[in-house]
Amino acid sequence: MTTKLTLTVEKSTIEKAKFYARNTGRSLSELVERYLETITLDDKPAISGKLKGIVGAVKLPEDFNEEKELRTYFENKHL
């Protein structure tokens, strides 16, 4: 059984989500439903064999700042 849900979301986020949904041939409702299903799973998602093989292969320094590295990467990429 389906039921109606009212959400309050930033307009720009809704526009981007609608664009994404349209380009992937899905509805916005379907995207939200799938996301909610994913985050409410009782079990941890299964890790593929390929991913299991590389987990732990890279050792990062203690002071590694993922946000800073991503920001630097995208700044350089789009300059």
PDB file of N, CA and C in Angstrom:
ATOM      1  N   MET A   1       0.841  -1.168   0.000  1.00  0.00           N
ATOM      2  CA  MET A   1       0.000   0.000   0.000  1.00  0.00           C
ATOM      3  C   MET A   1       0.894   1.242   0.000  1.00  0.00           C
ATOM      4  N   THR A   2       0.583   2.202  -0.842  1.00  0.00           N
ATOM      5  CA  THR A   2       1.341   3.445  -0.866  1.00  0.00           C
ATOM      6  C   THR A   2       0.573   4.522  -0.112  1.00  0.00           C
ATOM      7  N   THR A   3       1.301   5.496   0.363  1.00  0.00           N
ATOM      8  CA  THR A   3       0.693   6.626   1.063  1.00  0.00           C
ATOM      9  C   THR A   3       1.437   7.891   0.684  1.00  0.00           C
ATOM     10  N   LYS A   4       0.765   9.007   0.772  1.00  0.00           N
ATOM     11  CA  LYS A   4       1.347  10.287   0.405  1.00  0.00           C
ATOM     12  C   LYS A   4       2.241  10.796   1.529  1.00  0.00           C
ATOM     13  N   LEU A   5       3.349  11.436   1.141  1.00  0.00           N
ATOM     14  CA  LEU A   5       4.309  11.978   2.097  1.00  0.00           C
ATOM     15  C   LEU A   5       4.640  13.405   1.674  1.00  0.00           C
ATOM     16  N   THR A   6       4.591  14.325   2.598  1.00  0.00           N
ATOM     17  CA  THR A   6       4.946  15.708   2.314  1.00  0.00           C
ATOM     18  C   THR A   6       6.299  15.994   2.940  1.00  0.00           C
ATOM     19  N   LEU A   7       7.222  16.518   2.120  1.00  0.00           N
ATOM     20  CA  LEU A   7       8.571  16.834   2.591  1.00  0.00           C
ATOM     21  C   LEU A   7       8.871  18.309   2.352  1.00  0.00           C
ATOM     22  N   THR A   8       9.722  18.861   3.167  1.00  0.00           N
ATOM     23  CA  THR A   8      10.220  20.214   2.956  1.00  0.00           C
ATOM     24  C   THR A   8      11.701  20.087   2.617  1.00  0.00           C
ATOM     25  N   VAL A   9      12.031  20.482   1.381  1.00  0.00           N
ATOM     26  CA  VAL A   9      13.392  20.322   0.874  1.00  0.00           C
ATOM     27  C   VAL A   9      13.769  21.594   0.122  1.00  0.00           C
ATOM     28  N   GLU A  10      15.052  21.953   0.169  1.00  0.00           N
ATOM     29  CA  GLU A  10      15.533  23.122  -0.570  1.00  0.00           C
ATOM     30  C   GLU A  10      15.138  23.011  -2.043  1.00  0.00           C
ATOM     31  N   LYS A  11      14.689  24.126  -2.609  1.00  0.00           N
ATOM     32  CA  LYS A  11      14.231  24.144  -3.996  1.00  0.00           C
ATOM     33  C   LYS A  11      15.318  23.660  -4.959  1.00  0.00           C
ATOM     34  N   SER A  12      16.547  24.101  -4.745  1.00  0.00           N
ATOM     35  CA  SER A  12      17.636  23.705  -5.652  1.00  0.00           C
ATOM     36  C   SER A  12      17.882  22.199  -5.589  1.00  0.00           C
ATOM     37  N   THR A  13      17.721  21.622  -4.416  1.00  0.00           N
ATOM     38  CA  THR A  13      17.898  20.180  -4.265  1.00  0.00           C
ATOM     39  C   THR A  13      16.804  19.430  -5.013  1.00  0.00           C
ATOM     40  N   ILE A  14      15.588  19.912  -4.914  1.00  0.00           N
ATOM     41  CA  ILE A  14      14.472  19.279  -5.622  1.00  0.00           C
ATOM     42  C   ILE A  14      14.688  19.351  -7.125  1.00  0.00           C
ATOM     43  N   GLU A  15      15.117  20.511  -7.608  1.00  0.00           N
ATOM     44  CA  GLU A  15      15.355  20.663  -9.046  1.00  0.00           C
ATOM     45  C   GLU A  15      16.429  19.696  -9.539  1.00  0.00           C
ATOM     46  N   LYS A  16      17.523  19.582  -8.780  1.00  0.00           N
ATOM     47  CA  LYS A  16      18.590  18.658  -9.172  1.00  0.00           C
ATOM     48  C   LYS A  16      18.106  17.210  -9.118  1.00  0.00           C
ATOM     49  N   ALA A  17      17.329  16.883  -8.099  1.00  0.00           N
ATOM     50  CA  ALA A  17      16.816  15.521  -7.963  1.00  0.00           C
ATOM     51  C   ALA A  17      15.851  15.186  -9.099  1.00  0.00           C
ATOM     52  N   LYS A  18      15.005  16.119  -9.484  1.00  0.00           N
ATOM     53  CA  LYS A  18      14.078  15.895 -10.599  1.00  0.00           C
ATOM     54  C   LYS A  18      14.850  15.688 -11.897  1.00  0.00           C
ATOM     55  N   PHE A  19      15.880  16.486 -12.093  1.00  0.00           N
ATOM     56  CA  PHE A  19      16.720  16.348 -13.284  1.00  0.00           C
ATOM     57  C   PHE A  19      17.366  14.960 -13.312  1.00  0.00           C
ATOM     58  N   TYR A  20      17.925  14.559 -12.162  1.00  0.00           N
ATOM     59  CA  TYR A  20      18.551  13.243 -12.061  1.00  0.00           C
ATOM     60  C   TYR A  20      17.535  12.136 -12.335  1.00  0.00           C
ATOM     61  N   ALA A  21      16.377  12.236 -11.724  1.00  0.00           N
ATOM     62  CA  ALA A  21      15.336  11.219 -11.903  1.00  0.00           C
ATOM     63  C   ALA A  21      14.931  11.120 -13.372  1.00  0.00           C
ATOM     64  N   ARG A  22      14.703  12.263 -13.991  1.00  0.00           N
ATOM     65  CA  ARG A  22      14.301  12.287 -15.399  1.00  0.00           C
ATOM     66  C   ARG A  22      15.369  11.643 -16.284  1.00  0.00           C
ATOM     67  N   ASN A  23      16.635  11.945 -16.004  1.00  0.00           N
ATOM     68  CA  ASN A  23      17.728  11.407 -16.828  1.00  0.00           C
ATOM     69  C   ASN A  23      18.002   9.931 -16.585  1.00  0.00           C
ATOM     70  N   THR A  24      17.497   9.402 -15.495  1.00  0.00           N
ATOM     71  CA  THR A  24      17.686   7.977 -15.217  1.00  0.00           C
ATOM     72  C   THR A  24      16.406   7.182 -15.423  1.00  0.00           C
ATOM     73  N   GLY A  25      15.368   7.854 -15.938  1.00  0.00           N
ATOM     74  CA  GLY A  25      14.126   7.170 -16.256  1.00  0.00           C
ATOM     75  C   GLY A  25      13.328   6.726 -15.035  1.00  0.00           C
ATOM     76  N   ARG A  26      13.475   7.454 -13.949  1.00  0.00           N
ATOM     77  CA  ARG A  26      12.739   7.114 -12.726  1.00  0.00           C
ATOM     78  C   ARG A  26      11.957   8.329 -12.243  1.00  0.00           C
ATOM     79  N   SER A  27      11.078   8.097 -11.316  1.00  0.00           N
ATOM     80  CA  SER A  27      10.342   9.206 -10.717  1.00  0.00           C
ATOM     81  C   SER A  27      11.050   9.638  -9.445  1.00  0.00           C
ATOM     82  N   LEU A  28      10.767  10.857  -9.032  1.00  0.00           N
ATOM     83  CA  LEU A  28      11.340  11.353  -7.788  1.00  0.00           C
ATOM     84  C   LEU A  28      10.840  10.517  -6.610  1.00  0.00           C
ATOM     85  N   SER A  29       9.586  10.126  -6.668  1.00  0.00           N
ATOM     86  CA  SER A  29       9.025   9.271  -5.613  1.00  0.00           C
ATOM     87  C   SER A  29       9.782   7.951  -5.514  1.00  0.00           C
ATOM     88  N   GLU A  30      10.125   7.383  -6.659  1.00  0.00           N
ATOM     89  CA  GLU A  30      10.866   6.117  -6.657  1.00  0.00           C
ATOM     90  C   GLU A  30      12.249   6.302  -6.038  1.00  0.00           C
ATOM     91  N   LEU A  31      12.918   7.398  -6.379  1.00  0.00           N
ATOM     92  CA  LEU A  31      14.243   7.655  -5.800  1.00  0.00           C
ATOM     93  C   LEU A  31      14.176   7.771  -4.286  1.00  0.00           C
ATOM     94  N   VAL A  32      13.199   8.524  -3.797  1.00  0.00           N
ATOM     95  CA  VAL A  32      13.058   8.709  -2.350  1.00  0.00           C
ATOM     96  C   VAL A  32      12.730   7.376  -1.687  1.00  0.00           C
ATOM     97  N   GLU A  33      11.815   6.633  -2.287  1.00  0.00           N
ATOM     98  CA  GLU A  33      11.434   5.340  -1.708  1.00  0.00           C
ATOM     99  C   GLU A  33      12.627   4.396  -1.641  1.00  0.00           C
ATOM    100  N   ARG A  34      13.398   4.301  -2.715  1.00  0.00           N
ATOM    101  CA  ARG A  34      14.571   3.414  -2.735  1.00  0.00           C
ATOM    102  C   ARG A  34      15.600   3.857  -1.693  1.00  0.00           C
ATOM    103  N   TYR A  35      15.790   5.163  -1.569  1.00  0.00           N
ATOM    104  CA  TYR A  35      16.741   5.665  -0.571  1.00  0.00           C
ATOM    105  C   TYR A  35      16.287   5.283   0.839  1.00  0.00           C
ATOM    106  N   LEU A  36      15.019   5.499   1.128  1.00  0.00           N
ATOM    107  CA  LEU A  36      14.505   5.159   2.452  1.00  0.00           C
ATOM    108  C   LEU A  36      14.612   3.660   2.722  1.00  0.00           C
ATOM    109  N   GLU A  37      14.367   2.854   1.704  1.00  0.00           N
ATOM    110  CA  GLU A  37      14.525   1.404   1.862  1.00  0.00           C
ATOM    111  C   GLU A  37      15.978   1.056   2.189  1.00  0.00           C
ATOM    112  N   THR A  38      16.900   1.704   1.495  1.00  0.00           N
ATOM    113  CA  THR A  38      18.319   1.420   1.685  1.00  0.00           C
ATOM    114  C   THR A  38      18.792   1.771   3.091  1.00  0.00           C
ATOM    115  N   ILE A  39      18.405   2.941   3.584  1.00  0.00           N
ATOM    116  CA  ILE A  39      18.914   3.354   4.891  1.00  0.00           C
ATOM    117  C   ILE A  39      18.225   2.669   6.050  1.00  0.00           C
ATOM    118  N   THR A  40      17.114   1.995   5.785  1.00  0.00           N
ATOM    119  CA  THR A  40      16.404   1.319   6.874  1.00  0.00           C
ATOM    120  C   THR A  40      16.589  -0.190   6.860  1.00  0.00           C
ATOM    121  N   LEU A  41      17.520  -0.674   6.051  1.00  0.00           N
ATOM    122  CA  LEU A  41      17.803  -2.107   6.031  1.00  0.00           C
ATOM    123  C   LEU A  41      18.342  -2.548   7.380  1.00  0.00           C
ATOM    124  N   ASP A  42      17.888  -3.685   7.847  1.00  0.00           N
ATOM    125  CA  ASP A  42      18.388  -4.221   9.113  1.00  0.00           C
ATOM    126  C   ASP A  42      19.790  -4.784   8.962  1.00  0.00           C
ATOM    127  N   ASP A  43      20.067  -5.356   7.812  1.00  0.00           N
ATOM    128  CA  ASP A  43      21.363  -5.985   7.563  1.00  0.00           C
ATOM    129  C   ASP A  43      22.315  -4.987   6.931  1.00  0.00           C
ATOM    130  N   LYS A  44      23.599  -5.196   7.184  1.00  0.00           N
ATOM    131  CA  LYS A  44      24.602  -4.410   6.487  1.00  0.00           C
ATOM    132  C   LYS A  44      24.626  -4.873   5.039  1.00  0.00           C
ATOM    133  N   PRO A  45      24.842  -3.957   4.095  1.00  0.00           N
ATOM    134  CA  PRO A  45      24.902  -4.372   2.702  1.00  0.00           C
ATOM    135  C   PRO A  45      26.077  -5.323   2.465  1.00  0.00           C
ATOM    136  N   ALA A  46      25.861  -6.272   1.581  1.00  0.00           N
ATOM    137  CA  ALA A  46      26.913  -7.236   1.258  1.00  0.00           C
ATOM    138  C   ALA A  46      28.034  -6.531   0.492  1.00  0.00           C
ATOM    139  N   ILE A  47      29.256  -6.880   0.796  1.00  0.00           N
ATOM    140  CA  ILE A  47      30.408  -6.323   0.099  1.00  0.00           C
ATOM    141  C   ILE A  47      30.819  -7.313  -0.983  1.00  0.00           C
ATOM    142  N   SER A  48      30.975  -6.809  -2.182  1.00  0.00           N
ATOM    143  CA  SER A  48      31.347  -7.680  -3.293  1.00  0.00           C
ATOM    144  C   SER A  48      32.751  -8.261  -3.076  1.00  0.00           C
ATOM    145  N   GLY A  49      33.019  -9.354  -3.734  1.00  0.00           N
ATOM    146  CA  GLY A  49      34.327  -9.999  -3.630  1.00  0.00           C
ATOM    147  C   GLY A  49      35.459  -9.084  -4.049  1.00  0.00           C
ATOM    148  N   LYS A  50      35.229  -8.313  -5.116  1.00  0.00           N
ATOM    149  CA  LYS A  50      36.262  -7.387  -5.594  1.00  0.00           C
ATOM    150  C   LYS A  50      36.565  -6.327  -4.542  1.00  0.00           C
ATOM    151  N   LEU A  51      35.514  -5.806  -3.916  1.00  0.00           N
ATOM    152  CA  LEU A  51      35.720  -4.783  -2.893  1.00  0.00           C
ATOM    153  C   LEU A  51      36.413  -5.374  -1.669  1.00  0.00           C
ATOM    154  N   LYS A  52      36.040  -6.580  -1.279  1.00  0.00           N
ATOM    155  CA  LYS A  52      36.694  -7.226  -0.138  1.00  0.00           C
ATOM    156  C   LYS A  52      38.190  -7.357  -0.373  1.00  0.00           C
ATOM    157  N   GLY A  53      38.560  -7.589  -1.634  1.00  0.00           N
ATOM    158  CA  GLY A  53      39.962  -7.774  -1.978  1.00  0.00           C
ATOM    159  C   GLY A  53      40.803  -6.523  -1.819  1.00  0.00           C
ATOM    160  N   ILE A  54      40.187  -5.342  -1.882  1.00  0.00           N
ATOM    161  CA  ILE A  54      40.976  -4.108  -1.790  1.00  0.00           C
ATOM    162  C   ILE A  54      40.787  -3.373  -0.459  1.00  0.00           C
ATOM    163  N   VAL A  55      39.833  -3.806   0.349  1.00  0.00           N
ATOM    164  CA  VAL A  55      39.623  -3.159   1.641  1.00  0.00           C
ATOM    165  C   VAL A  55      40.898  -3.272   2.475  1.00  0.00           C
ATOM    166  N   GLY A  56      41.374  -2.147   2.958  1.00  0.00           N
ATOM    167  CA  GLY A  56      42.574  -2.127   3.780  1.00  0.00           C
ATOM    168  C   GLY A  56      43.870  -2.063   2.987  1.00  0.00           C
ATOM    169  N   ALA A  57      43.785  -2.035   1.662  1.00  0.00           N
ATOM    170  CA  ALA A  57      44.987  -2.025   0.837  1.00  0.00           C
ATOM    171  C   ALA A  57      45.721  -0.689   0.908  1.00  0.00           C
ATOM    172  N   VAL A  58      44.989   0.370   1.174  1.00  0.00           N
ATOM    173  CA  VAL A  58      45.590   1.691   1.224  1.00  0.00           C
ATOM    174  C   VAL A  58      45.633   2.155   2.674  1.00  0.00           C
ATOM    175  N   LYS A  59      46.790   2.578   3.113  1.00  0.00           N
ATOM    176  CA  LYS A  59      46.951   3.102   4.463  1.00  0.00           C
ATOM    177  C   LYS A  59      47.096   4.621   4.375  1.00  0.00           C
ATOM    178  N   LEU A  60      46.190   5.339   5.001  1.00  0.00           N
ATOM    179  CA  LEU A  60      46.219   6.795   4.972  1.00  0.00           C
ATOM    180  C   LEU A  60      46.865   7.326   6.241  1.00  0.00           C
ATOM    181  N   PRO A  61      47.516   8.487   6.140  1.00  0.00           N
ATOM    182  CA  PRO A  61      48.120   9.083   7.331  1.00  0.00           C
ATOM    183  C   PRO A  61      47.045   9.442   8.363  1.00  0.00           C
ATOM    184  N   GLU A  62      47.444   9.489   9.608  1.00  0.00           N
ATOM    185  CA  GLU A  62      46.516   9.814  10.702  1.00  0.00           C
ATOM    186  C   GLU A  62      45.830  11.158  10.489  1.00  0.00           C
ATOM    187  N   ASP A  63      46.552  12.135   9.919  1.00  0.00           N
ATOM    188  CA  ASP A  63      46.005  13.479   9.747  1.00  0.00           C
ATOM    189  C   ASP A  63      45.343  13.687   8.384  1.00  0.00           C
ATOM    190  N   PHE A  64      45.013  12.618   7.682  1.00  0.00           N
ATOM    191  CA  PHE A  64      44.398  12.718   6.358  1.00  0.00           C
ATOM    192  C   PHE A  64      43.039  13.395   6.466  1.00  0.00           C
ATOM    193  N   ASN A  65      42.813  14.418   5.644  1.00  0.00           N
ATOM    194  CA  ASN A  65      41.565  15.175   5.656  1.00  0.00           C
ATOM    195  C   ASN A  65      40.871  14.954   4.318  1.00  0.00           C
ATOM    196  N   GLU A  66      39.895  14.063   4.313  1.00  0.00           N
ATOM    197  CA  GLU A  66      39.213  13.697   3.069  1.00  0.00           C
ATOM    198  C   GLU A  66      38.531  14.895   2.421  1.00  0.00           C
ATOM    199  N   GLU A  67      37.862  15.719   3.211  1.00  0.00           N
ATOM    200  CA  GLU A  67      37.178  16.892   2.661  1.00  0.00           C
ATOM    201  C   GLU A  67      38.153  17.833   1.966  1.00  0.00           C
ATOM    202  N   LYS A  68      39.288  18.081   2.600  1.00  0.00           N
ATOM    203  CA  LYS A  68      40.290  18.967   2.018  1.00  0.00           C
ATOM    204  C   LYS A  68      40.827  18.389   0.710  1.00  0.00           C
ATOM    205  N   GLU A  69      41.112  17.111   0.703  1.00  0.00           N
ATOM    206  CA  GLU A  69      41.644  16.469  -0.501  1.00  0.00           C
ATOM    207  C   GLU A  69      40.630  16.495  -1.641  1.00  0.00           C
ATOM    208  N   LEU A  70      39.367  16.226  -1.339  1.00  0.00           N
ATOM    209  CA  LEU A  70      38.328  16.285  -2.375  1.00  0.00           C
ATOM    210  C   LEU A  70      38.173  17.697  -2.918  1.00  0.00           C
ATOM    211  N   ARG A  71      38.156  18.670  -2.024  1.00  0.00           N
ATOM    212  CA  ARG A  71      38.019  20.065  -2.447  1.00  0.00           C
ATOM    213  C   ARG A  71      39.179  20.448  -3.371  1.00  0.00           C
ATOM    214  N   THR A  72      40.400  20.102  -2.986  1.00  0.00           N
ATOM    215  CA  THR A  72      41.572  20.400  -3.805  1.00  0.00           C
ATOM    216  C   THR A  72      41.474  19.714  -5.163  1.00  0.00           C
ATOM    217  N   TYR A  73      41.063  18.461  -5.158  1.00  0.00           N
ATOM    218  CA  TYR A  73      40.923  17.710  -6.414  1.00  0.00           C
ATOM    219  C   TYR A  73      39.947  18.407  -7.354  1.00  0.00           C
ATOM    220  N   PHE A  74      38.756  18.759  -6.843  1.00  0.00           N
ATOM    221  CA  PHE A  74      37.741  19.369  -7.705  1.00  0.00           C
ATOM    222  C   PHE A  74      38.113  20.787  -8.112  1.00  0.00           C
ATOM    223  N   GLU A  75      38.795  21.521  -7.250  1.00  0.00           N
ATOM    224  CA  GLU A  75      39.259  22.853  -7.636  1.00  0.00           C
ATOM    225  C   GLU A  75      40.238  22.764  -8.796  1.00  0.00           C
ATOM    226  N   ASN A  76      41.173  21.829  -8.716  1.00  0.00           N
ATOM    227  CA  ASN A  76      42.151  21.649  -9.790  1.00  0.00           C
ATOM    228  C   ASN A  76      41.510  21.122 -11.062  1.00  0.00           C
ATOM    229  N   LYS A  77      40.552  20.233 -10.908  1.00  0.00           N
ATOM    230  CA  LYS A  77      39.885  19.634 -12.061  1.00  0.00           C
ATOM    231  C   LYS A  77      39.116  20.680 -12.860  1.00  0.00           C
ATOM    232  N   HIS A  78      38.496  21.626 -12.170  1.00  0.00           N
ATOM    233  CA  HIS A  78      37.609  22.567 -12.836  1.00  0.00           C
ATOM    234  C   HIS A  78      38.218  23.945 -13.067  1.00  0.00           C
ATOM    235  N   LEU A  79      39.538  24.045 -12.928  1.00  0.00           N
ATOM    236  CA  LEU A  79      40.205  25.327 -13.223  1.00  0.00           C
ATOM    237  C   LEU A  79      40.621  25.407 -14.646  1.00  0.00           C
TER     238      LEU A  79
END
